[in-house]
C-alpha atoms as a PDB file:
ATOM      1  CA  MET A   1      95.038  38.978   6.786  1.00  0.00           C
ATOM      2  CA  LYS A   2      93.754  38.689  10.305  1.00  0.00           C
ATOM      3  CA  LEU A   3      96.031  40.225  12.944  1.00  0.00           C
ATOM      4  CA  LEU A   4      95.505  39.787  16.669  1.00  0.00           C
ATOM      5  CA  ARG A   5      97.030  40.085  20.137  1.00  0.00           C
ATOM      6  CA  TYR A   6      97.089  37.243  22.603  1.00  0.00           C
ATOM      7  CA  GLY A   7      98.167  36.526  26.160  1.00  0.00           C
ATOM      8  CA  PRO A   8      97.574  37.962  29.603  1.00  0.00           C
ATOM      9  CA  ARG A   9      96.181  41.527  29.913  1.00  0.00           C
ATOM     10  CA  GLY A  10      99.069  43.947  29.670  1.00  0.00           C
ATOM     11  CA  SER A  11     101.498  41.308  28.321  1.00  0.00           C
ATOM     12  CA  GLU A  12      99.838  40.566  24.917  1.00  0.00           C
ATOM     13  CA  LYS A  13     102.034  39.371  21.971  1.00  0.00           C
ATOM     14  CA  PRO A  14     101.241  40.052  18.227  1.00  0.00           C
ATOM     15  CA  GLY A  15      99.957  37.275  16.153  1.00  0.00           C
ATOM     16  CA  LEU A  16      98.046  36.377  13.015  1.00  0.00           C
ATOM     17  CA  LEU A  17      95.310  33.817  12.244  1.00  0.00           C
ATOM     18  CA  ASP A  18      96.336  31.504   9.443  1.00  0.00           C
ATOM     19  CA  ASN A  19      93.836  30.119   6.990  1.00  0.00           C
ATOM     20  CA  THR A  20      93.400  26.937   9.127  1.00  0.00           C
ATOM     21  CA  GLY A  21      92.348  28.881  12.135  1.00  0.00           C
ATOM     22  CA  MET A  22      95.678  28.488  14.021  1.00  0.00           C
ATOM     23  CA  ILE A  23      97.350  31.454  15.718  1.00  0.00           C
ATOM     24  CA  ARG A  24     100.854  32.194  14.639  1.00  0.00           C
ATOM     25  CA  ASP A  25     103.260  34.208  16.710  1.00  0.00           C
ATOM     26  CA  LEU A  26     104.528  37.457  15.138  1.00  0.00           C
ATOM     27  CA  SER A  27     106.654  38.584  18.061  1.00  0.00           C
ATOM     28  CA  GLY A  28     109.850  37.719  16.193  1.00  0.00           C
ATOM     29  CA  VAL A  29     108.733  40.037  13.364  1.00  0.00           C
ATOM     30  CA  ILE A  30     107.128  42.999  15.063  1.00  0.00           C
ATOM     31  CA  ASP A  31     106.841  44.308  18.572  1.00  0.00           C
ATOM     32  CA  ASP A  32     103.007  44.702  18.582  1.00  0.00           C
ATOM     33  CA  ILE A  33      99.970  45.364  16.417  1.00  0.00           C
ATOM     34  CA  ALA A  34     100.373  49.140  16.853  1.00  0.00           C
ATOM     35  CA  GLY A  35     102.090  52.220  15.393  1.00  0.00           C
ATOM     36  CA  SER A  36     104.176  51.679  12.298  1.00  0.00           C
ATOM     37  CA  ALA A  37     102.999  48.070  11.990  1.00  0.00           C
ATOM     38  CA  LEU A  38      99.724  49.432  10.757  1.00  0.00           C
ATOM     39  CA  LEU A  39     101.196  51.508   7.894  1.00  0.00           C
ATOM     40  CA  PRO A  40     100.612  50.248   4.349  1.00  0.00           C
ATOM     41  CA  GLU A  41     104.277  49.223   3.749  1.00  0.00           C
ATOM     42  CA  GLN A  42     104.456  47.243   6.980  1.00  0.00           C
ATOM     43  CA  LEU A  43     101.172  45.510   6.365  1.00  0.00           C
ATOM     44  CA  ALA A  44     102.421  44.521   2.949  1.00  0.00           C
ATOM     45  CA  LYS A  45     105.544  42.879   4.484  1.00  0.00           C
ATOM     46  CA  LEU A  46     103.350  40.978   6.987  1.00  0.00           C
ATOM     47  CA  LYS A  47     101.068  39.818   4.166  1.00  0.00           C
ATOM     48  CA  ALA A  48     104.072  38.534   2.209  1.00  0.00           C
ATOM     49  CA  LEU A  49     105.095  36.223   5.067  1.00  0.00           C
ATOM     50  CA  ASP A  50     104.505  32.520   4.856  1.00  0.00           C
ATOM     51  CA  PRO A  51     102.400  31.816   7.951  1.00  0.00           C
ATOM     52  CA  ALA A  52     103.786  28.263   8.064  1.00  0.00           C
ATOM     53  CA  SER A  53     107.183  29.809   8.829  1.00  0.00           C
ATOM     54  CA  LEU A  54     105.842  31.363  12.000  1.00  0.00           C
ATOM     55  CA  PRO A  55     105.636  29.506  15.407  1.00  0.00           C
ATOM     56  CA  VAL A  56     102.325  28.076  16.231  1.00  0.00           C
ATOM     57  CA  VAL A  57     100.671  29.227  19.489  1.00  0.00           C
ATOM     58  CA  ASP A  58      99.570  26.284  21.526  1.00  0.00           C
ATOM     59  CA  GLY A  59      96.326  26.019  23.408  1.00  0.00           C
ATOM     60  CA  ASP A  60      93.449  28.543  23.447  1.00  0.00           C
ATOM     61  CA  PRO A  61      95.118  31.740  24.709  1.00  0.00           C
ATOM     62  CA  ARG A  62      93.159  34.842  25.866  1.00  0.00           C
ATOM     63  CA  LEU A  63      92.838  37.429  23.044  1.00  0.00           C
ATOM     64  CA  GLY A  64      93.417  41.008  23.884  1.00  0.00           C
ATOM     65  CA  ALA A  65      92.216  44.124  22.123  1.00  0.00           C
ATOM     66  CA  CYS A  66      93.311  43.655  18.505  1.00  0.00           C
ATOM     67  CA  VAL A  67      95.219  46.907  18.324  1.00  0.00           C
ATOM     68  CA  SER A  68      97.490  48.437  20.910  1.00  0.00           C
ATOM     69  CA  GLY A  69      98.555  52.076  21.474  1.00  0.00           C
ATOM     70  CA  ILE A  70      95.237  53.506  20.359  1.00  0.00           C
ATOM     71  CA  GLY A  71      95.457  57.284  20.587  1.00  0.00           C
ATOM     72  CA  ASN A  72      91.894  58.191  19.901  1.00  0.00           C
ATOM     73  CA  PHE A  73      88.839  56.046  20.390  1.00  0.00           C
ATOM     74  CA  LEU A  74      86.329  57.977  18.320  1.00  0.00           C
ATOM     75  CA  CYS A  75      82.638  57.080  18.047  1.00  0.00           C
ATOM     76  CA  ILE A  76      79.690  58.040  15.933  1.00  0.00           C
ATOM     77  CA  GLY A  77      76.249  58.357  17.451  1.00  0.00           C
ATOM     78  CA  ARG A  78      72.871  57.690  15.892  1.00  0.00           C
ATOM     79  CA  ASN A  79      74.383  56.648  12.538  1.00  0.00           C
ATOM     80  CA  TYR A  80      71.442  54.315  11.617  1.00  0.00           C
ATOM     81  CA  ALA A  81      68.150  56.076  11.194  1.00  0.00           C
ATOM     82  CA  GLU A  82      66.081  53.263  12.891  1.00  0.00           C
ATOM     83  CA  HIS A  83      68.413  53.368  15.882  1.00  0.00           C
ATOM     84  CA  ALA A  84      67.849  57.136  16.240  1.00  0.00           C
ATOM     85  CA  GLU A  85      64.193  56.688  16.084  1.00  0.00           C
ATOM     86  CA  GLU A  86      64.104  53.916  18.733  1.00  0.00           C
ATOM     87  CA  THR A  87      65.895  56.218  21.175  1.00  0.00           C
ATOM     88  CA  GLY A  88      63.431  59.029  20.565  1.00  0.00           C
ATOM     89  CA  ALA A  89      65.769  61.131  18.421  1.00  0.00           C
ATOM     90  CA  VAL A  90      65.853  62.063  14.742  1.00  0.00           C
ATOM     91  CA  ALA A  91      68.500  61.204  12.172  1.00  0.00           C
ATOM     92  CA  PRO A  92      71.228  63.768  12.451  1.00  0.00           C
ATOM     93  CA  PRO A  93      72.090  66.144   9.628  1.00  0.00           C
ATOM     94  CA  GLU A  94      75.840  65.569  10.164  1.00  0.00           C
ATOM     95  CA  PRO A  95      77.744  62.988  12.222  1.00  0.00           C
ATOM     96  CA  ILE A  96      77.440  63.038  15.961  1.00  0.00           C
ATOM     97  CA  LEU A  97      80.908  62.587  17.420  1.00  0.00           C
ATOM     98  CA  PHE A  98      81.867  61.423  20.947  1.00  0.00           C
ATOM     99  CA  THR A  99      84.803  59.538  22.440  1.00  0.00           C
ATOM    100  CA  LYS A 100      85.470  56.625  24.715  1.00  0.00           C
ATOM    101  CA  VAL A 101      88.570  56.879  26.914  1.00  0.00           C
ATOM    102  CA  THR A 102      91.161  54.268  25.953  1.00  0.00           C
ATOM    103  CA  SER A 103      91.136  52.703  29.397  1.00  0.00           C
ATOM    104  CA  ALA A 104      87.736  51.254  28.399  1.00  0.00           C
ATOM    105  CA  LEU A 105      89.435  48.929  25.893  1.00  0.00           C
ATOM    106  CA  ALA A 106      89.197  45.245  26.557  1.00  0.00           C
ATOM    107  CA  GLY A 107      89.658  41.914  24.770  1.00  0.00           C
ATOM    108  CA  PRO A 108      86.934  40.454  22.568  1.00  0.00           C
ATOM    109  CA  ASN A 109      85.965  37.799  25.069  1.00  0.00           C
ATOM    110  CA  ASP A 110      86.806  39.603  28.347  1.00  0.00           C
ATOM    111  CA  ASP A 111      84.140  39.995  31.025  1.00  0.00           C
ATOM    112  CA  ILE A 112      82.159  43.220  30.948  1.00  0.00           C
ATOM    113  CA  ILE A 113      82.038  44.698  34.432  1.00  0.00           C
ATOM    114  CA  ILE A 114      78.791  46.447  35.229  1.00  0.00           C
ATOM    115  CA  PRO A 115      79.362  49.336  37.665  1.00  0.00           C
ATOM    116  CA  TYR A 116      78.019  48.766  41.169  1.00  0.00           C
ATOM    117  CA  ASP A 117      75.565  51.548  40.892  1.00  0.00           C
ATOM    118  CA  SER A 118      74.488  50.832  37.326  1.00  0.00           C
ATOM    119  CA  HIS A 119      70.951  49.913  36.396  1.00  0.00           C
ATOM    120  CA  LYS A 120      70.976  50.811  32.693  1.00  0.00           C
ATOM    121  CA  THR A 121      74.004  49.229  31.136  1.00  0.00           C
ATOM    122  CA  ASP A 122      73.300  48.609  27.394  1.00  0.00           C
ATOM    123  CA  TRP A 123      74.786  46.896  24.346  1.00  0.00           C
ATOM    124  CA  GLU A 124      75.718  48.272  20.900  1.00  0.00           C
ATOM    125  CA  VAL A 125      77.355  46.139  18.158  1.00  0.00           C
ATOM    126  CA  GLU A 126      79.347  48.278  15.726  1.00  0.00           C
ATOM    127  CA  LEU A 127      81.805  48.143  12.805  1.00  0.00           C
ATOM    128  CA  GLY A 128      85.211  49.556  13.965  1.00  0.00           C
ATOM    129  CA  VAL A 129      87.770  51.121  11.571  1.00  0.00           C
ATOM    130  CA  ILE A 130      91.421  51.299  12.413  1.00  0.00           C
ATOM    131  CA  ILE A 131      93.404  54.066  10.704  1.00  0.00           C
ATOM    132  CA  GLY A 132      96.696  53.200   8.978  1.00  0.00           C
ATOM    133  CA  ARG A 133      98.113  56.036   6.915  1.00  0.00           C
ATOM    134  CA  PRO A 134      97.361  59.403   8.719  1.00  0.00           C
ATOM    135  CA  ALA A 135      94.446  61.240   7.275  1.00  0.00           C
ATOM    136  CA  LYS A 136      94.149  65.068   7.091  1.00  0.00           C
ATOM    137  CA  ARG A 137      91.491  66.684   5.029  1.00  0.00           C
ATOM    138  CA  VAL A 138      91.167  63.745   2.741  1.00  0.00           C
ATOM    139  CA  LYS A 139      88.659  63.490  -0.107  1.00  0.00           C
ATOM    140  CA  ILE A 140      85.851  60.999   0.252  1.00  0.00           C
ATOM    141  CA  GLU A 141      87.084  59.025  -2.779  1.00  0.00           C
ATOM    142  CA  ASP A 142      90.554  58.663  -1.165  1.00  0.00           C
ATOM    143  CA  ALA A 143      89.391  57.944   2.402  1.00  0.00           C
ATOM    144  CA  LEU A 144      89.507  54.147   2.384  1.00  0.00           C
ATOM    145  CA  ARG A 145      93.203  54.252   1.389  1.00  0.00           C
ATOM    146  CA  HIS A 146      93.798  55.384   4.988  1.00  0.00           C
ATOM    147  CA  VAL A 147      92.252  52.280   6.539  1.00  0.00           C
ATOM    148  CA  ALA A 148      94.594  49.589   8.072  1.00  0.00           C
ATOM    149  CA  GLY A 149      91.763  47.245   8.817  1.00  0.00           C
ATOM    150  CA  TYR A 150      88.396  46.630  10.413  1.00  0.00           C
ATOM    151  CA  CYS A 151      87.233  45.035  13.632  1.00  0.00           C
ATOM    152  CA  ALA A 152      84.013  44.360  15.660  1.00  0.00           C
ATOM    153  CA  VAL A 153      83.256  46.711  18.581  1.00  0.00           C
ATOM    154  CA  ASN A 154      80.787  46.454  21.409  1.00  0.00           C
ATOM    155  CA  ASP A 155      80.172  50.041  22.383  1.00  0.00           C
ATOM    156  CA  VAL A 156      78.874  49.192  25.918  1.00  0.00           C
ATOM    157  CA  SER A 157      76.937  52.153  27.361  1.00  0.00           C
ATOM    158  CA  GLU A 158      75.586  53.133  30.779  1.00  0.00           C
ATOM    159  CA  ARG A 159      72.526  55.152  29.900  1.00  0.00           C
ATOM    160  CA  THR A 160      72.092  56.895  33.321  1.00  0.00           C
ATOM    161  CA  TYR A 161      75.609  58.281  33.178  1.00  0.00           C
ATOM    162  CA  GLN A 162      75.180  59.110  29.502  1.00  0.00           C
ATOM    163  CA  LEU A 163      71.832  60.725  29.354  1.00  0.00           C
ATOM    164  CA  GLU A 164      70.748  61.759  32.847  1.00  0.00           C
ATOM    165  CA  GLY A 165      72.081  64.582  35.116  1.00  0.00           C
ATOM    166  CA  THR A 166      74.577  66.498  33.013  1.00  0.00           C
ATOM    167  CA  GLY A 167      74.603  63.917  30.302  1.00  0.00           C
ATOM    168  CA  GLN A 168      78.011  63.849  28.795  1.00  0.00           C
ATOM    169  CA  TRP A 169      78.170  60.704  26.611  1.00  0.00           C
ATOM    170  CA  VAL A 170      81.849  60.110  27.356  1.00  0.00           C
ATOM    171  CA  LYS A 171      80.973  59.270  30.972  1.00  0.00           C
ATOM    172  CA  GLY A 172      78.380  56.640  29.954  1.00  0.00           C
ATOM    173  CA  LYS A 173      80.665  55.121  27.330  1.00  0.00           C
ATOM    174  CA  SER A 174      84.040  54.949  29.182  1.00  0.00           C
ATOM    175  CA  CYS A 175      83.726  52.669  32.184  1.00  0.00           C
ATOM    176  CA  ASP A 176      86.367  50.070  32.466  1.00  0.00           C
ATOM    177  CA  THR A 177      85.800  47.104  29.981  1.00  0.00           C
ATOM    178  CA  PHE A 178      83.136  49.133  28.134  1.00  0.00           C
ATOM    179  CA  GLY A 179      85.254  48.938  24.867  1.00  0.00           C
ATOM    180  CA  PRO A 180      85.918  45.332  23.913  1.00  0.00           C
ATOM    181  CA  ILE A 181      87.331  45.074  20.344  1.00  0.00           C
ATOM    182  CA  GLY A 182      88.289  42.231  18.079  1.00  0.00           C
ATOM    183  CA  PRO A 183      88.849  39.331  17.920  1.00  0.00           C
ATOM    184  CA  TRP A 184      91.143  40.445  15.157  1.00  0.00           C
ATOM    185  CA  LEU A 185      91.947  43.295  12.824  1.00  0.00           C
ATOM    186  CA  VAL A 186      91.016  42.229   9.328  1.00  0.00           C
ATOM    187  CA  THR A 187      92.777  44.001   6.444  1.00  0.00           C
ATOM    188  CA  PRO A 188      90.743  45.767   3.761  1.00  0.00           C
ATOM    189  CA  ASP A 189      91.557  43.240   1.105  1.00  0.00           C
ATOM    190  CA  GLU A 190      89.649  40.546   2.980  1.00  0.00           C
ATOM    191  CA  VAL A 191      86.694  42.828   3.919  1.00  0.00           C
ATOM    192  CA  GLY A 192      85.919  44.496   0.582  1.00  0.00           C
ATOM    193  CA  ASP A 193      83.144  47.065   0.708  1.00  0.00           C
ATOM    194  CA  PRO A 194      82.624  48.150   4.425  1.00  0.00           C
ATOM    195  CA  GLN A 195      79.058  49.171   3.458  1.00  0.00           C
ATOM    196  CA  ASP A 196      78.202  45.560   2.709  1.00  0.00           C
ATOM    197  CA  LEU A 197      78.556  43.781   6.092  1.00  0.00           C
ATOM    198  CA  TYR A 198      75.866  42.148   8.212  1.00  0.00           C
ATOM    199  CA  LEU A 199      76.150  42.640  11.995  1.00  0.00           C
ATOM    200  CA  TRP A 200      74.175  41.162  14.947  1.00  0.00           C
ATOM    201  CA  LEU A 201      74.096  40.944  18.774  1.00  0.00           C
ATOM    202  CA  ALA A 202      72.274  38.587  21.159  1.00  0.00           C
ATOM    203  CA  VAL A 203      72.008  38.491  24.875  1.00  0.00           C
ATOM    204  CA  ASP A 204      71.493  34.963  26.467  1.00  0.00           C
ATOM    205  CA  GLY A 205      70.730  33.691  23.037  1.00  0.00           C
ATOM    206  CA  HIS A 206      67.986  36.236  22.183  1.00  0.00           C
ATOM    207  CA  ARG A 207      68.785  38.243  19.059  1.00  0.00           C
ATOM    208  CA  TYR A 208      68.266  41.873  19.670  1.00  0.00           C
ATOM    209  CA  GLN A 209      70.234  43.485  16.950  1.00  0.00           C
ATOM    210  CA  ASP A 210      70.209  42.589  13.265  1.00  0.00           C
ATOM    211  CA  GLY A 211      71.634  45.160  11.006  1.00  0.00           C
ATOM    212  CA  HIS A 212      73.621  45.936   7.843  1.00  0.00           C
ATOM    213  CA  THR A 213      76.193  48.543   7.268  1.00  0.00           C
ATOM    214  CA  SER A 214      74.513  49.615   4.082  1.00  0.00           C
ATOM    215  CA  LYS A 215      71.982  51.304   6.406  1.00  0.00           C
ATOM    216  CA  MET A 216      74.462  53.762   7.873  1.00  0.00           C
ATOM    217  CA  ILE A 217      73.493  57.326   7.395  1.00  0.00           C
ATOM    218  CA  PHE A 218      77.114  58.261   6.989  1.00  0.00           C
ATOM    219  CA  GLY A 219      79.352  55.561   5.416  1.00  0.00           C
ATOM    220  CA  VAL A 220      82.944  54.820   6.399  1.00  0.00           C
ATOM    221  CA  ALA A 221      84.587  56.831   3.622  1.00  0.00           C
ATOM    222  CA  TYR A 222      82.456  59.844   4.457  1.00  0.00           C
ATOM    223  CA  LEU A 223      83.153  59.709   8.144  1.00  0.00           C
ATOM    224  CA  ILE A 224      86.973  59.502   7.562  1.00  0.00           C
ATOM    225  CA  SER A 225      86.801  62.511   5.173  1.00  0.00           C
ATOM    226  CA  TYR A 226      84.484  64.390   7.589  1.00  0.00           C
ATOM    227  CA  LEU A 227      86.536  63.877  10.708  1.00  0.00           C
ATOM    228  CA  SER A 228      89.823  64.602   8.930  1.00  0.00           C
ATOM    229  CA  HIS A 229      88.489  68.070   8.126  1.00  0.00           C
ATOM    230  CA  PHE A 230      88.611  68.911  11.807  1.00  0.00           C
ATOM    231  CA  PHE A 231      91.725  67.115  13.027  1.00  0.00           C
ATOM    232  CA  THR A 232      94.297  64.625  11.807  1.00  0.00           C
ATOM    233  CA  LEU A 233      93.368  60.988  12.143  1.00  0.00           C
ATOM    234  CA  ASN A 234      96.554  59.287  13.256  1.00  0.00           C
ATOM    235  CA  THR A 235      97.928  55.733  12.656  1.00  0.00           C
ATOM    236  CA  GLY A 236      96.185  53.461  15.163  1.00  0.00           C
ATOM    237  CA  ASP A 237      93.169  55.644  15.868  1.00  0.00           C
ATOM    238  CA  LEU A 238      89.952  53.679  16.254  1.00  0.00           C
ATOM    239  CA  LEU A 239      86.589  54.797  14.776  1.00  0.00           C
ATOM    240  CA  SER A 240      83.409  53.089  15.872  1.00  0.00           C
ATOM    241  CA  THR A 241      80.788  53.786  13.273  1.00  0.00           C
ATOM    242  CA  GLY A 242      77.493  53.524  15.155  1.00  0.00           C
ATOM    243  CA  THR A 243      75.080  50.809  16.018  1.00  0.00           C
ATOM    244  CA  PRO A 244      71.962  49.432  14.219  1.00  0.00           C
ATOM    245  CA  PRO A 245      68.541  49.278  15.997  1.00  0.00           C
ATOM    246  CA  GLY A 246      67.851  46.827  18.801  1.00  0.00           C
ATOM    247  CA  VAL A 247      69.666  48.338  21.761  1.00  0.00           C
ATOM    248  CA  GLY A 248      68.247  47.759  25.248  1.00  0.00           C
ATOM    249  CA  LEU A 249      67.121  51.407  25.589  1.00  0.00           C
ATOM    250  CA  GLY A 250      64.939  51.013  22.492  1.00  0.00           C
ATOM    251  CA  GLN A 251      62.987  47.851  23.620  1.00  0.00           C
ATOM    252  CA  ARG A 252      59.258  48.198  23.960  1.00  0.00           C
ATOM    253  CA  PRO A 253      57.032  48.298  25.950  1.00  0.00           C
ATOM    254  CA  GLU A 254      59.907  48.830  28.390  1.00  0.00           C
ATOM    255  CA  PRO A 255      63.694  49.165  27.951  1.00  0.00           C
ATOM    256  CA  ILE A 256      65.784  46.138  28.837  1.00  0.00           C
ATOM    257  CA  PHE A 257      69.267  46.444  30.359  1.00  0.00           C
ATOM    258  CA  LEU A 258      72.156  44.185  31.225  1.00  0.00           C
ATOM    259  CA  LYS A 259      72.687  42.447  34.536  1.00  0.00           C
ATOM    260  CA  GLY A 260      75.423  40.318  35.982  1.00  0.00           C
ATOM    261  CA  GLY A 261      75.626  36.750  34.780  1.00  0.00           C
ATOM    262  CA  GLN A 262      74.471  37.218  31.192  1.00  0.00           C
ATOM    263  CA  LEU A 263      76.161  36.211  27.989  1.00  0.00           C
ATOM    264  CA  ILE A 264      76.546  38.659  25.061  1.00  0.00           C
ATOM    265  CA  THR A 265      77.391  37.192  21.688  1.00  0.00           C
ATOM    266  CA  LEU A 266      77.913  39.346  18.642  1.00  0.00           C
ATOM    267  CA  GLU A 267      79.481  39.279  15.132  1.00  0.00           C
ATOM    268  CA  VAL A 268      80.312  41.569  12.313  1.00  0.00           C
ATOM    269  CA  GLU A 269      80.411  39.711   8.967  1.00  0.00           C
ATOM    270  CA  LYS A 270      84.007  38.781   7.935  1.00  0.00           C
ATOM    271  CA  LEU A 271      85.356  40.115  11.273  1.00  0.00           C
ATOM    272  CA  GLY A 272      84.594  37.257  13.597  1.00  0.00           C
ATOM    273  CA  SER A 273      82.352  36.496  16.463  1.00  0.00           C
ATOM    274  CA  ARG A 274      82.850  36.855  20.168  1.00  0.00           C
ATOM    275  CA  ALA A 275      81.183  36.191  23.546  1.00  0.00           C
ATOM    276  CA  GLN A 276      81.392  38.335  26.671  1.00  0.00           C
ATOM    277  CA  ARG A 277      80.074  37.579  30.164  1.00  0.00           C
ATOM    278  CA  THR A 278      78.648  40.379  32.320  1.00  0.00           C
ATOM    279  CA  VAL A 279      79.803  40.619  35.908  1.00  0.00           C
ATOM    280  CA  GLN A 280      78.169  42.814  38.518  1.00  0.00           C
ATOM    281  CA  GLU A 281      80.751  44.898  40.344  1.00  0.00           C
ATOM    282  CA  ALA A 282      80.472  44.705  44.145  1.00  0.00           C
ATOM    283  CA  ALA A 283      79.734  47.977  45.948  1.00  0.00           C
ATOM    284  CA  PRO A 284      82.917  49.551  47.230  1.00  0.00           C
ATOM    285  CA  VAL A 285      83.543  49.965  50.913  1.00  0.00           C
ATOM    286  CA  ILE A 286      84.260  53.677  50.351  1.00  0.00           C
ATOM    287  CA  PRO A 287      82.023  55.216  47.739  1.00  0.00           C
ATOM    288  CA  SER A 288      83.853  56.001  44.557  1.00  0.00           C
ATOM    289  CA  PHE A 289      81.680  59.057  43.693  1.00  0.00           C
ATOM    290  CA  PRO A 290      82.982  62.080  45.620  1.00  0.00           C
ATOM    291  CA  PRO A 291      80.540  64.258  47.468  1.00  0.00           C
ATOM    292  CA  ARG A 292      79.853  67.724  46.257  1.00  0.00           C
ATOM    293  CA  PRO A 293      82.069  70.357  47.893  1.00  0.00           C
END
């Protein structure tokens, strides 16, 4: 089952994609793709619906982030050994955890806004995991039972904000529009083994990233178990599981970064493809960065 949200930003409605590729409206059944709608019993009810009984959504509406009400946007860094190497780091002995603020969330085809003072905005295609049943200190062998579904993520990153000065990854990962997800949430029965998915990303038609989730250092089940040891993973939390090699920072002989007017295309196998335009933000009249006191 493929669940989605469609409509203008801030006014999205829930929907599903039927097996003919048509969007069906779910707003008469659930309020949103969020909260209790992501629990196993509710997903089972949605799966039991006859899509033909639901209204067809006409036209080609904007798609929003495929999940609403995300409480935590959790990310794993350097989870592919080759990616760690291309950035000059070593494979970590345990998962590297950071967060993106939820105001970074965007629809799968929304424009990516490059901050006015950015010169090192980068791309990162990733497998996203949406939590269904809350997870607290779960065993690895039970971890995937807590997954509501999977989605594609572009973990857009500004490397100056992330790595220079005081560092602090959250700054470089959380600019507005830096968290596009979707186009849809795909339930586990349609995905199968999350460690058997191909993923890629291209900029202006040039393929930079080609990866496979089997190359993760820490797999999805391990990550859920590991994180749930420290805190509860709640319904609707989103976990982005790391990127394969091929990011702009890792290009040789010189890094390559995004600029306005480019087209990013990406796909995670079974989870759909998407395209995002980059837009350079105009410099503000009043600088947004406050002077030191």
